[in-house]
Amino acid sequence: MENSERLAVVETKLEQISVTINSMNDKLDVWNQSYVPRAEIDLKFDARDKKIEQIDKKLEAEEHNKWSIRKLWPAWLGVALSAGAWLEKIF
């Protein structure tokens, strides 16, 4: 009687272990599907950093050219014309 009870306990534990192992396998399969290798992540980050650098350079160039003479000459021409008109009124 004792041996059959022991065998039943061992069978139950083996079934539980089997269920646990199957569950772990399923979780590992899901993890492997969503896992991204480090080398691939590094490549993606490098590409992103290069794009950010290009954008920063464009922004710096635009800021530098923002106040350039070429872009402001119409405004200065208007100032000169209004100053000329003002001087004409005075004299």
C-alpha atoms as a PDB file:
ATOM      1  CA  MET A   1       0.000   0.000   0.000  1.00  0.00           C
ATOM      2  CA  GLU A   2       2.758   2.420   0.886  1.00  0.00           C
ATOM      3  CA  ASN A   3       4.575   1.876  -2.392  1.00  0.00           C
ATOM      4  CA  SER A   4       1.480   2.635  -4.442  1.00  0.00           C
ATOM      5  CA  GLU A   5       0.922   5.831  -2.437  1.00  0.00           C
ATOM      6  CA  ARG A   6       4.535   6.856  -2.956  1.00  0.00           C
ATOM      7  CA  LEU A   7       4.230   6.134  -6.646  1.00  0.00           C
ATOM      8  CA  ALA A   8       1.078   8.274  -6.854  1.00  0.00           C
ATOM      9  CA  VAL A   9       2.877  11.167  -5.114  1.00  0.00           C
ATOM     10  CA  VAL A  10       5.858  10.851  -7.449  1.00  0.00           C
ATOM     11  CA  GLU A  11       3.569  10.787 -10.512  1.00  0.00           C
ATOM     12  CA  THR A  12       1.769  13.912  -9.291  1.00  0.00           C
ATOM     13  CA  LYS A  13       5.044  15.742  -8.730  1.00  0.00           C
ATOM     14  CA  LEU A  14       6.311  14.662 -12.166  1.00  0.00           C
ATOM     15  CA  GLU A  15       3.125  16.019 -13.769  1.00  0.00           C
ATOM     16  CA  GLN A  16       3.595  19.322 -11.934  1.00  0.00           C
ATOM     17  CA  ILE A  17       7.226  19.502 -13.050  1.00  0.00           C
ATOM     18  CA  SER A  18       6.169  18.731 -16.624  1.00  0.00           C
ATOM     19  CA  VAL A  19       3.562  21.524 -16.535  1.00  0.00           C
ATOM     20  CA  THR A  20       6.131  23.938 -15.078  1.00  0.00           C
ATOM     21  CA  ILE A  21       8.708  23.070 -17.754  1.00  0.00           C
ATOM     22  CA  ASN A  22       6.134  23.522 -20.538  1.00  0.00           C
ATOM     23  CA  SER A  23       5.146  26.886 -19.072  1.00  0.00           C
ATOM     24  CA  MET A  24       8.798  27.948 -18.928  1.00  0.00           C
ATOM     25  CA  ASN A  25       9.288  26.861 -22.552  1.00  0.00           C
ATOM     26  CA  ASP A  26       6.295  28.946 -23.622  1.00  0.00           C
ATOM     27  CA  LYS A  27       7.643  31.973 -21.767  1.00  0.00           C
ATOM     28  CA  LEU A  28      11.089  31.523 -23.319  1.00  0.00           C
ATOM     29  CA  ASP A  29       9.538  31.322 -26.779  1.00  0.00           C
ATOM     30  CA  VAL A  30       7.729  34.620 -26.202  1.00  0.00           C
ATOM     31  CA  TRP A  31      10.891  36.176 -24.784  1.00  0.00           C
ATOM     32  CA  ASN A  32      12.980  35.041 -27.768  1.00  0.00           C
ATOM     33  CA  GLN A  33      10.457  36.555 -30.173  1.00  0.00           C
ATOM     34  CA  SER A  34      10.622  39.951 -28.487  1.00  0.00           C
ATOM     35  CA  TYR A  35      14.347  39.923 -27.682  1.00  0.00           C
ATOM     36  CA  VAL A  36      16.528  42.259 -29.733  1.00  0.00           C
ATOM     37  CA  PRO A  37      20.259  41.442 -29.847  1.00  0.00           C
ATOM     38  CA  ARG A  38      22.646  44.024 -28.450  1.00  0.00           C
ATOM     39  CA  ALA A  39      24.475  44.493 -31.761  1.00  0.00           C
ATOM     40  CA  GLU A  40      21.203  45.358 -33.506  1.00  0.00           C
ATOM     41  CA  ILE A  41      20.269  47.830 -30.787  1.00  0.00           C
ATOM     42  CA  ASP A  42      23.710  49.458 -31.062  1.00  0.00           C
ATOM     43  CA  LEU A  43      23.246  49.864 -34.818  1.00  0.00           C
ATOM     44  CA  LYS A  44      19.820  51.425 -34.326  1.00  0.00           C
ATOM     45  CA  PHE A  45      21.148  53.815 -31.697  1.00  0.00           C
ATOM     46  CA  ASP A  46      24.100  54.784 -33.907  1.00  0.00           C
ATOM     47  CA  ALA A  47      21.751  55.554 -36.803  1.00  0.00           C
ATOM     48  CA  ARG A  48      19.554  57.601 -34.478  1.00  0.00           C
ATOM     49  CA  ASP A  49      22.555  59.512 -33.107  1.00  0.00           C
ATOM     50  CA  LYS A  50      23.755  60.335 -36.623  1.00  0.00           C
ATOM     51  CA  LYS A  51      20.313  61.690 -37.538  1.00  0.00           C
ATOM     52  CA  ILE A  52      20.267  63.785 -34.367  1.00  0.00           C
ATOM     53  CA  GLU A  53      23.729  65.163 -35.184  1.00  0.00           C
ATOM     54  CA  GLN A  54      22.583  66.121 -38.688  1.00  0.00           C
ATOM     55  CA  ILE A  55      19.530  67.874 -37.290  1.00  0.00           C
ATOM     56  CA  ASP A  56      21.670  69.734 -34.733  1.00  0.00           C
ATOM     57  CA  LYS A  57      24.071  70.864 -37.465  1.00  0.00           C
ATOM     58  CA  LYS A  58      21.179  72.084 -39.603  1.00  0.00           C
ATOM     59  CA  LEU A  59      19.726  73.977 -36.650  1.00  0.00           C
ATOM     60  CA  GLU A  60      23.083  75.602 -35.871  1.00  0.00           C
ATOM     61  CA  ALA A  61      23.546  76.588 -39.515  1.00  0.00           C
ATOM     62  CA  GLU A  62      20.040  78.024 -39.644  1.00  0.00           C
ATOM     63  CA  GLU A  63      20.632  79.980 -36.431  1.00  0.00           C
ATOM     64  CA  HIS A  64      23.889  81.336 -37.851  1.00  0.00           C
ATOM     65  CA  ASN A  65      22.218  82.354 -41.107  1.00  0.00           C
ATOM     66  CA  LYS A  66      19.179  83.758 -39.343  1.00  0.00           C
ATOM     67  CA  TRP A  67      20.730  87.170 -38.890  1.00  0.00           C
ATOM     68  CA  SER A  68      22.822  87.234 -42.042  1.00  0.00           C
ATOM     69  CA  ILE A  69      22.924  90.379 -44.157  1.00  0.00           C
ATOM     70  CA  ARG A  70      21.391  88.600 -47.148  1.00  0.00           C
ATOM     71  CA  LYS A  71      18.186  87.927 -45.296  1.00  0.00           C
ATOM     72  CA  LEU A  72      17.965  91.337 -43.624  1.00  0.00           C
ATOM     73  CA  TRP A  73      18.710  93.603 -46.606  1.00  0.00           C
ATOM     74  CA  PRO A  74      15.000  94.225 -47.379  1.00  0.00           C
ATOM     75  CA  ALA A  75      14.458  95.369 -43.803  1.00  0.00           C
ATOM     76  CA  TRP A  76      17.523  97.650 -43.920  1.00  0.00           C
ATOM     77  CA  LEU A  77      16.360  99.013 -47.279  1.00  0.00           C
ATOM     78  CA  GLY A  78      13.039  99.929 -45.658  1.00  0.00           C
ATOM     79  CA  VAL A  79      14.867 101.615 -42.790  1.00  0.00           C
ATOM     80  CA  ALA A  80      17.007 103.602 -45.242  1.00  0.00           C
ATOM     81  CA  LEU A  81      13.965 104.683 -47.242  1.00  0.00           C
ATOM     82  CA  SER A  82      12.073 105.768 -44.152  1.00  0.00           C
ATOM     83  CA  ALA A  83      15.145 107.627 -42.876  1.00  0.00           C
ATOM     84  CA  GLY A  84      15.459 109.331 -46.274  1.00  0.00           C
ATOM     85  CA  ALA A  85      11.780 110.308 -46.185  1.00  0.00           C
ATOM     86  CA  TRP A  86      12.170 111.590 -42.662  1.00  0.00           C
ATOM     87  CA  LEU A  87      15.232 113.678 -43.615  1.00  0.00           C
ATOM     88  CA  GLU A  88      13.364 115.046 -46.640  1.00  0.00           C
ATOM     89  CA  LYS A  89      10.516 116.163 -44.385  1.00  0.00           C
ATOM     90  CA  ILE A  90      12.866 117.884 -42.007  1.00  0.00           C
ATOM     91  CA  PHE A  91      14.870 119.765 -44.658  1.00  0.00           C
END
